Amino acid sequence: TIALTRPDFFPRESEIIEGLLSSGKVSFVHIRKPG
């Protein structure tokens, strides 16, 4: 299970990424920030 980030930066994004990974909900997070 892979989460792709939104293209924009937003508040608490790093916390959400850590939460997804620490919970085991996702295997990887793809940081996709075109531009």
All heavy atoms as atom14 arrays in JSON, in Angstrom:
{
  "sequence": "TIALTRPDFFPRESEIIEGLLSSGKVSFVHIRKPG",
  "atom14_mask": [
    [1, 1, 1, 1, 1, 1, 1, 0, 0, 0, 0, 0, 0, 0],
    [1, 1, 1, 1, 1, 1, 1, 1, 0, 0, 0, 0, 0, 0],
    [1, 1, 1, 1, 1, 0, 0, 0, 0, 0, 0, 0, 0, 0],
    [1, 1, 1, 1, 1, 1, 1, 1, 0, 0, 0, 0, 0, 0],
    [1, 1, 1, 1, 1, 1, 1, 0, 0, 0, 0, 0, 0, 0],
    [1, 1, 1, 1, 1, 1, 1, 1, 1, 1, 1, 0, 0, 0],
    [1, 1, 1, 1, 1, 1, 1, 0, 0, 0, 0, 0, 0, 0],
    [1, 1, 1, 1, 1, 1, 1, 1, 0, 0, 0, 0, 0, 0],
    [1, 1, 1, 1, 1, 1, 1, 1, 1, 1, 1, 0, 0, 0],
    [1, 1, 1, 1, 1, 1, 1, 1, 1, 1, 1, 0, 0, 0],
    [1, 1, 1, 1, 1, 1, 1, 0, 0, 0, 0, 0, 0, 0],
    [1, 1, 1, 1, 1, 1, 1, 1, 1, 1, 1, 0, 0, 0],
    [1, 1, 1, 1, 1, 1, 1, 1, 1, 0, 0, 0, 0, 0],
    [1, 1, 1, 1, 1, 1, 0, 0, 0, 0, 0, 0, 0, 0],
    [1, 1, 1, 1, 1, 1, 1, 1, 1, 0, 0, 0, 0, 0],
    [1, 1, 1, 1, 1, 1, 1, 1, 0, 0, 0, 0, 0, 0],
    [1, 1, 1, 1, 1, 1, 1, 1, 0, 0, 0, 0, 0, 0],
    [1, 1, 1, 1, 1, 1, 1, 1, 1, 0, 0, 0, 0, 0],
    [1, 1, 1, 1, 0, 0, 0, 0, 0, 0, 0, 0, 0, 0],
    [1, 1, 1, 1, 1, 1, 1, 1, 0, 0, 0, 0, 0, 0],
    [1, 1, 1, 1, 1, 1, 1, 1, 0, 0, 0, 0, 0, 0],
    [1, 1, 1, 1, 1, 1, 0, 0, 0, 0, 0, 0, 0, 0],
    [1, 1, 1, 1, 1, 1, 0, 0, 0, 0, 0, 0, 0, 0],
    [1, 1, 1, 1, 0, 0, 0, 0, 0, 0, 0, 0, 0, 0],
    [1, 1, 1, 1, 1, 1, 1, 1, 1, 0, 0, 0, 0, 0],
    [1, 1, 1, 1, 1, 1, 1, 0, 0, 0, 0, 0, 0, 0],
    [1, 1, 1, 1, 1, 1, 0, 0, 0, 0, 0, 0, 0, 0],
    [1, 1, 1, 1, 1, 1, 1, 1, 1, 1, 1, 0, 0, 0],
    [1, 1, 1, 1, 1, 1, 1, 0, 0, 0, 0, 0, 0, 0],
    [1, 1, 1, 1, 1, 1, 1, 1, 1, 1, 0, 0, 0, 0],
    [1, 1, 1, 1, 1, 1, 1, 1, 0, 0, 0, 0, 0, 0],
    [1, 1, 1, 1, 1, 1, 1, 1, 1, 1, 1, 0, 0, 0],
    [1, 1, 1, 1, 1, 1, 1, 1, 1, 0, 0, 0, 0, 0],
    [1, 1, 1, 1, 1, 1, 1, 0, 0, 0, 0, 0, 0, 0],
    [1, 1, 1, 1, 0, 0, 0, 0, 0, 0, 0, 0, 0, 0]
  ],
  "atom14_positions": [
    [[0.87, -1.17, 0.0], [0.0, 0.0, 0.0], [0.91, 1.22, 0.0], [1.84, 1.31, 0.8], [-0.94, 0.03, 1.22], [-0.18, -0.16, 2.4], [-1.99, -1.06, 1.12], [0.0, 0.0, 0.0], [0.0, 0.0, 0.0], [0.0, 0.0, 0.0], [0.0, 0.0, 0.0], [0.0, 0.0, 0.0], [0.0, 0.0, 0.0], [0.0, 0.0, 0.0]],
    [[0.65, 2.11, -0.92], [1.52, 3.27, -1.14], [0.67, 4.54, -1.1], [-0.38, 4.61, -1.72], [2.24, 3.14, -2.5], [3.13, 1.89, -2.49], [3.04, 4.4, -2.81], [3.69, 1.5, -3.84], [0.0, 0.0, 0.0], [0.0, 0.0, 0.0], [0.0, 0.0, 0.0], [0.0, 0.0, 0.0], [0.0, 0.0, 0.0], [0.0, 0.0, 0.0]],
    [[1.16, 5.52, -0.36], [0.52, 6.84, -0.34], [1.36, 7.78, -1.2], [2.58, 7.79, -1.1], [0.42, 7.37, 1.08], [0.0, 0.0, 0.0], [0.0, 0.0, 0.0], [0.0, 0.0, 0.0], [0.0, 0.0, 0.0], [0.0, 0.0, 0.0], [0.0, 0.0, 0.0], [0.0, 0.0, 0.0], [0.0, 0.0, 0.0], [0.0, 0.0, 0.0]],
    [[0.7, 8.55, -2.04], [1.36, 9.61, -2.79], [0.95, 10.93, -2.18], [-0.24, 11.16, -1.93], [0.93, 9.6, -4.26], [1.58, 8.57, -5.14], [0.82, 7.27, -5.08], [1.61, 9.07, -6.56], [0.0, 0.0, 0.0], [0.0, 0.0, 0.0], [0.0, 0.0, 0.0], [0.0, 0.0, 0.0], [0.0, 0.0, 0.0], [0.0, 0.0, 0.0]],
    [[1.91, 11.82, -1.96], [1.58, 13.12, -1.38], [0.84, 13.98, -2.39], [0.95, 13.79, -3.6], [2.85, 13.87, -0.93], [3.66, 14.15, -2.07], [3.63, 13.08, 0.11], [0.0, 0.0, 0.0], [0.0, 0.0, 0.0], [0.0, 0.0, 0.0], [0.0, 0.0, 0.0], [0.0, 0.0, 0.0], [0.0, 0.0, 0.0], [0.0, 0.0, 0.0]],
    [[0.13, 14.96, -1.85], [-0.46, 15.98, -2.72], [0.68, 16.79, -3.34], [1.78, 16.85, -2.78], [-1.34, 16.92, -1.89], [-2.58, 16.28, -1.39], [-3.52, 17.18, -0.61], [-3.11, 18.51, -0.29], [-3.64, 19.25, 0.69], [-4.6, 18.74, 1.45], [-3.23, 20.47, 0.91], [0.0, 0.0, 0.0], [0.0, 0.0, 0.0], [0.0, 0.0, 0.0]],
    [[0.44, 17.45, -4.46], [1.5, 18.25, -5.08], [1.87, 19.5, -4.28], [2.97, 20.01, -4.4], [0.95, 18.62, -6.45], [-0.46, 18.24, -6.47], [-0.74, 17.35, -5.3], [0.0, 0.0, 0.0], [0.0, 0.0, 0.0], [0.0, 0.0, 0.0], [0.0, 0.0, 0.0], [0.0, 0.0, 0.0], [0.0, 0.0, 0.0], [0.0, 0.0, 0.0]],
    [[0.97, 19.97, -3.43], [1.24, 21.16, -2.63], [1.76, 20.75, -1.24], [1.61, 19.61, -0.82], [-0.03, 22.01, -2.48], [-1.15, 21.26, -1.77], [-1.36, 20.06, -2.06], [-1.83, 21.85, -0.91], [0.0, 0.0, 0.0], [0.0, 0.0, 0.0], [0.0, 0.0, 0.0], [0.0, 0.0, 0.0], [0.0, 0.0, 0.0], [0.0, 0.0, 0.0]],
    [[2.38, 21.7, -0.56], [2.8, 21.5, 0.82], [1.67, 22.01, 1.71], [1.03, 23.01, 1.38], [4.09, 22.27, 1.11], [5.27, 21.74, 0.34], [5.61, 22.27, -0.89], [6.04, 20.7, 0.86], [6.69, 21.78, -1.61], [7.12, 20.2, 0.15], [7.45, 20.74, -1.09], [0.0, 0.0, 0.0], [0.0, 0.0, 0.0], [0.0, 0.0, 0.0]],
    [[1.42, 21.35, 2.82], [0.33, 21.76, 3.69], [0.69, 21.51, 5.16], [1.58, 20.71, 5.45], [-0.98, 21.07, 3.3], [-0.92, 19.57, 3.35], [-1.3, 18.88, 4.5], [-0.46, 18.85, 2.26], [-1.24, 17.5, 4.55], [-0.4, 17.47, 2.31], [-0.79, 16.79, 3.45], [0.0, 0.0, 0.0], [0.0, 0.0, 0.0], [0.0, 0.0, 0.0]],
    [[0.01, 22.18, 6.09], [0.33, 22.03, 7.5], [0.22, 20.58, 7.98], [-0.68, 19.85, 7.56], [-0.72, 22.9, 8.21], [-1.16, 23.88, 7.17], [-1.06, 23.16, 5.86], [0.0, 0.0, 0.0], [0.0, 0.0, 0.0], [0.0, 0.0, 0.0], [0.0, 0.0, 0.0], [0.0, 0.0, 0.0], [0.0, 0.0, 0.0], [0.0, 0.0, 0.0]],
    [[1.16, 20.19, 8.83], [1.19, 18.87, 9.47], [1.42, 17.72, 8.48], [1.17, 16.57, 8.79], [-0.08, 18.64, 10.29], [-0.28, 19.67, 11.4], [-1.47, 19.39, 12.32], [-1.48, 18.05, 12.84], [-2.42, 17.13, 12.56], [-3.43, 17.43, 11.78], [-2.36, 15.93, 13.08], [0.0, 0.0, 0.0], [0.0, 0.0, 0.0], [0.0, 0.0, 0.0]],
    [[1.9, 18.03, 7.29], [2.11, 16.98, 6.29], [3.09, 15.92, 6.8], [2.85, 14.72, 6.65], [2.62, 17.59, 4.98], [2.78, 16.57, 3.86], [3.05, 17.21, 2.52], [3.43, 18.41, 2.46], [2.89, 16.51, 1.5], [0.0, 0.0, 0.0], [0.0, 0.0, 0.0], [0.0, 0.0, 0.0], [0.0, 0.0, 0.0], [0.0, 0.0, 0.0]],
    [[4.18, 16.36, 7.41], [5.17, 15.39, 7.91], [4.55, 14.5, 8.99], [4.83, 13.3, 9.04], [6.41, 16.1, 8.44], [6.07, 16.97, 9.51], [0.0, 0.0, 0.0], [0.0, 0.0, 0.0], [0.0, 0.0, 0.0], [0.0, 0.0, 0.0], [0.0, 0.0, 0.0], [0.0, 0.0, 0.0], [0.0, 0.0, 0.0], [0.0, 0.0, 0.0]],
    [[3.7, 15.06, 9.84], [3.04, 14.26, 10.88], [2.11, 13.21, 10.27], [2.04, 12.09, 10.75], [2.24, 15.17, 11.81], [3.09, 16.09, 12.66], [2.23, 17.09, 13.44], [1.13, 16.71, 13.9], [2.66, 18.26, 13.55], [0.0, 0.0, 0.0], [0.0, 0.0, 0.0], [0.0, 0.0, 0.0], [0.0, 0.0, 0.0], [0.0, 0.0, 0.0]],
    [[1.41, 13.6, 9.23], [0.51, 12.65, 8.56], [1.32, 11.53, 7.93], [0.96, 10.35, 8.04], [-0.38, 13.37, 7.52], [-1.34, 14.32, 8.25], [-1.13, 12.38, 6.65], [-2.09, 15.26, 7.34], [0.0, 0.0, 0.0], [0.0, 0.0, 0.0], [0.0, 0.0, 0.0], [0.0, 0.0, 0.0], [0.0, 0.0, 0.0], [0.0, 0.0, 0.0]],
    [[2.42, 11.87, 7.28], [3.29, 10.85, 6.66], [3.81, 9.9, 7.73], [3.75, 8.66, 7.56], [4.44, 11.53, 5.89], [3.9, 12.24, 4.65], [5.52, 10.51, 5.52], [4.89, 13.14, 3.94], [0.0, 0.0, 0.0], [0.0, 0.0, 0.0], [0.0, 0.0, 0.0], [0.0, 0.0, 0.0], [0.0, 0.0, 0.0], [0.0, 0.0, 0.0]],
    [[4.31, 10.43, 8.83], [4.8, 9.57, 9.91], [3.68, 8.68, 10.47], [3.9, 7.5, 10.75], [5.39, 10.42, 11.04], [6.73, 11.01, 10.7], [7.32, 11.82, 11.86], [6.66, 11.98, 12.91], [8.46, 12.31, 11.7], [0.0, 0.0, 0.0], [0.0, 0.0, 0.0], [0.0, 0.0, 0.0], [0.0, 0.0, 0.0], [0.0, 0.0, 0.0]],
    [[2.5, 9.24, 10.61], [1.37, 8.47, 11.11], [0.99, 7.32, 10.21], [0.71, 6.21, 10.68], [0.0, 0.0, 0.0], [0.0, 0.0, 0.0], [0.0, 0.0, 0.0], [0.0, 0.0, 0.0], [0.0, 0.0, 0.0], [0.0, 0.0, 0.0], [0.0, 0.0, 0.0], [0.0, 0.0, 0.0], [0.0, 0.0, 0.0], [0.0, 0.0, 0.0]],
    [[0.98, 7.57, 8.91], [0.66, 6.51, 7.95], [1.69, 5.38, 8.02], [1.34, 4.2, 8.0], [0.6, 7.07, 6.53], [-0.6, 7.96, 6.2], [-0.4, 8.65, 4.86], [-1.88, 7.14, 6.2], [0.0, 0.0, 0.0], [0.0, 0.0, 0.0], [0.0, 0.0, 0.0], [0.0, 0.0, 0.0], [0.0, 0.0, 0.0], [0.0, 0.0, 0.0]],
    [[2.96, 5.75, 8.09], [4.02, 4.74, 8.12], [4.07, 4.01, 9.46], [4.19, 2.78, 9.49], [5.37, 5.39, 7.8], [5.54, 5.83, 6.35], [6.76, 6.73, 6.19], [5.65, 4.6, 5.43], [0.0, 0.0, 0.0], [0.0, 0.0, 0.0], [0.0, 0.0, 0.0], [0.0, 0.0, 0.0], [0.0, 0.0, 0.0], [0.0, 0.0, 0.0]],
    [[3.94, 4.72, 10.56], [4.04, 4.07, 11.87], [2.84, 3.16, 12.15], [2.97, 2.18, 12.86], [4.21, 5.09, 12.99], [3.06, 5.89, 13.12], [0.0, 0.0, 0.0], [0.0, 0.0, 0.0], [0.0, 0.0, 0.0], [0.0, 0.0, 0.0], [0.0, 0.0, 0.0], [0.0, 0.0, 0.0], [0.0, 0.0, 0.0], [0.0, 0.0, 0.0]],
    [[1.7, 3.47, 11.58], [0.49, 2.66, 11.8], [0.49, 1.38, 10.97], [-0.32, 0.49, 11.22], [-0.75, 3.47, 11.43], [-0.81, 3.68, 10.02], [0.0, 0.0, 0.0], [0.0, 0.0, 0.0], [0.0, 0.0, 0.0], [0.0, 0.0, 0.0], [0.0, 0.0, 0.0], [0.0, 0.0, 0.0], [0.0, 0.0, 0.0], [0.0, 0.0, 0.0]],
    [[1.37, 1.31, 9.97], [1.37, 0.16, 9.08], [0.32, 0.25, 7.99], [0.13, -0.69, 7.23], [0.0, 0.0, 0.0], [0.0, 0.0, 0.0], [0.0, 0.0, 0.0], [0.0, 0.0, 0.0], [0.0, 0.0, 0.0], [0.0, 0.0, 0.0], [0.0, 0.0, 0.0], [0.0, 0.0, 0.0], [0.0, 0.0, 0.0], [0.0, 0.0, 0.0]],
    [[-0.37, 1.38, 7.9], [-1.39, 1.55, 6.85], [-0.77, 1.6, 5.46], [-1.42, 1.25, 4.49], [-2.21, 2.81, 7.09], [-3.13, 2.72, 8.27], [-3.93, 3.99, 8.45], [-4.83, 3.87, 9.66], [-5.53, 5.11, 9.96], [0.0, 0.0, 0.0], [0.0, 0.0, 0.0], [0.0, 0.0, 0.0], [0.0, 0.0, 0.0], [0.0, 0.0, 0.0]],
    [[0.48, 2.08, 5.39], [1.16, 2.13, 4.1], [2.55, 1.52, 4.2], [3.19, 1.55, 5.25], [1.24, 3.57, 3.53], [-0.14, 4.17, 3.34], [2.1, 4.46, 4.38], [0.0, 0.0, 0.0], [0.0, 0.0, 0.0], [0.0, 0.0, 0.0], [0.0, 0.0, 0.0], [0.0, 0.0, 0.0], [0.0, 0.0, 0.0], [0.0, 0.0, 0.0]],
    [[3.0, 0.98, 3.08], [4.33, 0.39, 2.97], [5.36, 1.46, 2.65], [6.49, 1.41, 3.13], [4.36, -0.66, 1.86], [3.26, -1.53, 1.94], [0.0, 0.0, 0.0], [0.0, 0.0, 0.0], [0.0, 0.0, 0.0], [0.0, 0.0, 0.0], [0.0, 0.0, 0.0], [0.0, 0.0, 0.0], [0.0, 0.0, 0.0], [0.0, 0.0, 0.0]],
    [[4.96, 2.41, 1.79], [5.83, 3.49, 1.34], [5.02, 4.76, 1.17], [3.81, 4.7, 0.94], [6.49, 3.18, -0.02], [7.36, 1.97, -0.02], [6.93, 0.77, -0.56], [8.65, 2.04, 0.51], [7.74, -0.35, -0.55], [9.46, 0.92, 0.52], [9.01, -0.27, 0.0], [0.0, 0.0, 0.0], [0.0, 0.0, 0.0], [0.0, 0.0, 0.0]],
    [[5.71, 5.89, 1.23], [5.12, 7.17, 0.86], [5.97, 7.73, -0.27], [7.18, 7.86, -0.15], [5.07, 8.17, 2.04], [4.62, 9.54, 1.56], [4.16, 7.66, 3.15], [0.0, 0.0, 0.0], [0.0, 0.0, 0.0], [0.0, 0.0, 0.0], [0.0, 0.0, 0.0], [0.0, 0.0, 0.0], [0.0, 0.0, 0.0], [0.0, 0.0, 0.0]],
    [[5.31, 8.03, -1.38], [5.97, 8.67, -2.51], [5.81, 10.17, -2.35], [4.67, 10.66, -2.27], [5.35, 8.21, -3.83], [5.84, 6.89, -4.3], [6.32, 6.71, -5.57], [5.92, 5.69, -3.69], [6.69, 5.45, -5.72], [6.44, 4.81, -4.58], [0.0, 0.0, 0.0], [0.0, 0.0, 0.0], [0.0, 0.0, 0.0], [0.0, 0.0, 0.0]],
    [[6.93, 10.87, -2.28], [6.88, 12.33, -2.2], [6.86, 12.87, -3.62], [7.86, 12.81, -4.33], [8.07, 12.88, -1.38], [7.98, 12.37, 0.06], [8.08, 14.41, -1.43], [9.12, 12.79, 0.95], [0.0, 0.0, 0.0], [0.0, 0.0, 0.0], [0.0, 0.0, 0.0], [0.0, 0.0, 0.0], [0.0, 0.0, 0.0], [0.0, 0.0, 0.0]],
    [[5.69, 13.34, -4.02], [5.46, 13.83, -5.37], [5.08, 15.31, -5.28], [3.97, 15.65, -4.88], [4.33, 13.03, -6.02], [4.07, 13.41, -7.45], [2.88, 12.63, -8.01], [2.45, 13.23, -9.25], [1.65, 14.3, -9.33], [1.15, 14.84, -8.26], [1.33, 14.8, -10.51], [0.0, 0.0, 0.0], [0.0, 0.0, 0.0], [0.0, 0.0, 0.0]],
    [[6.03, 16.15, -5.62], [5.84, 17.6, -5.51], [6.32, 18.27, -6.8], [7.33, 18.97, -6.81], [6.63, 18.16, -4.31], [6.3, 17.55, -2.97], [4.94, 18.01, -2.48], [4.65, 17.47, -1.08], [3.29, 17.81, -0.66], [0.0, 0.0, 0.0], [0.0, 0.0, 0.0], [0.0, 0.0, 0.0], [0.0, 0.0, 0.0], [0.0, 0.0, 0.0]],
    [[5.61, 18.07, -7.92], [6.04, 18.71, -9.15], [6.08, 20.23, -8.99], [5.2, 20.81, -8.41], [4.99, 18.29, -10.18], [3.85, 17.76, -9.4], [4.35, 17.37, -8.05], [0.0, 0.0, 0.0], [0.0, 0.0, 0.0], [0.0, 0.0, 0.0], [0.0, 0.0, 0.0], [0.0, 0.0, 0.0], [0.0, 0.0, 0.0], [0.0, 0.0, 0.0]],
    [[7.14, 20.82, -9.46], [7.28, 22.26, -9.36], [7.97, 22.73, -8.08], [8.33, 23.89, -7.97], [0.0, 0.0, 0.0], [0.0, 0.0, 0.0], [0.0, 0.0, 0.0], [0.0, 0.0, 0.0], [0.0, 0.0, 0.0], [0.0, 0.0, 0.0], [0.0, 0.0, 0.0], [0.0, 0.0, 0.0], [0.0, 0.0, 0.0], [0.0, 0.0, 0.0]]
  ]
}
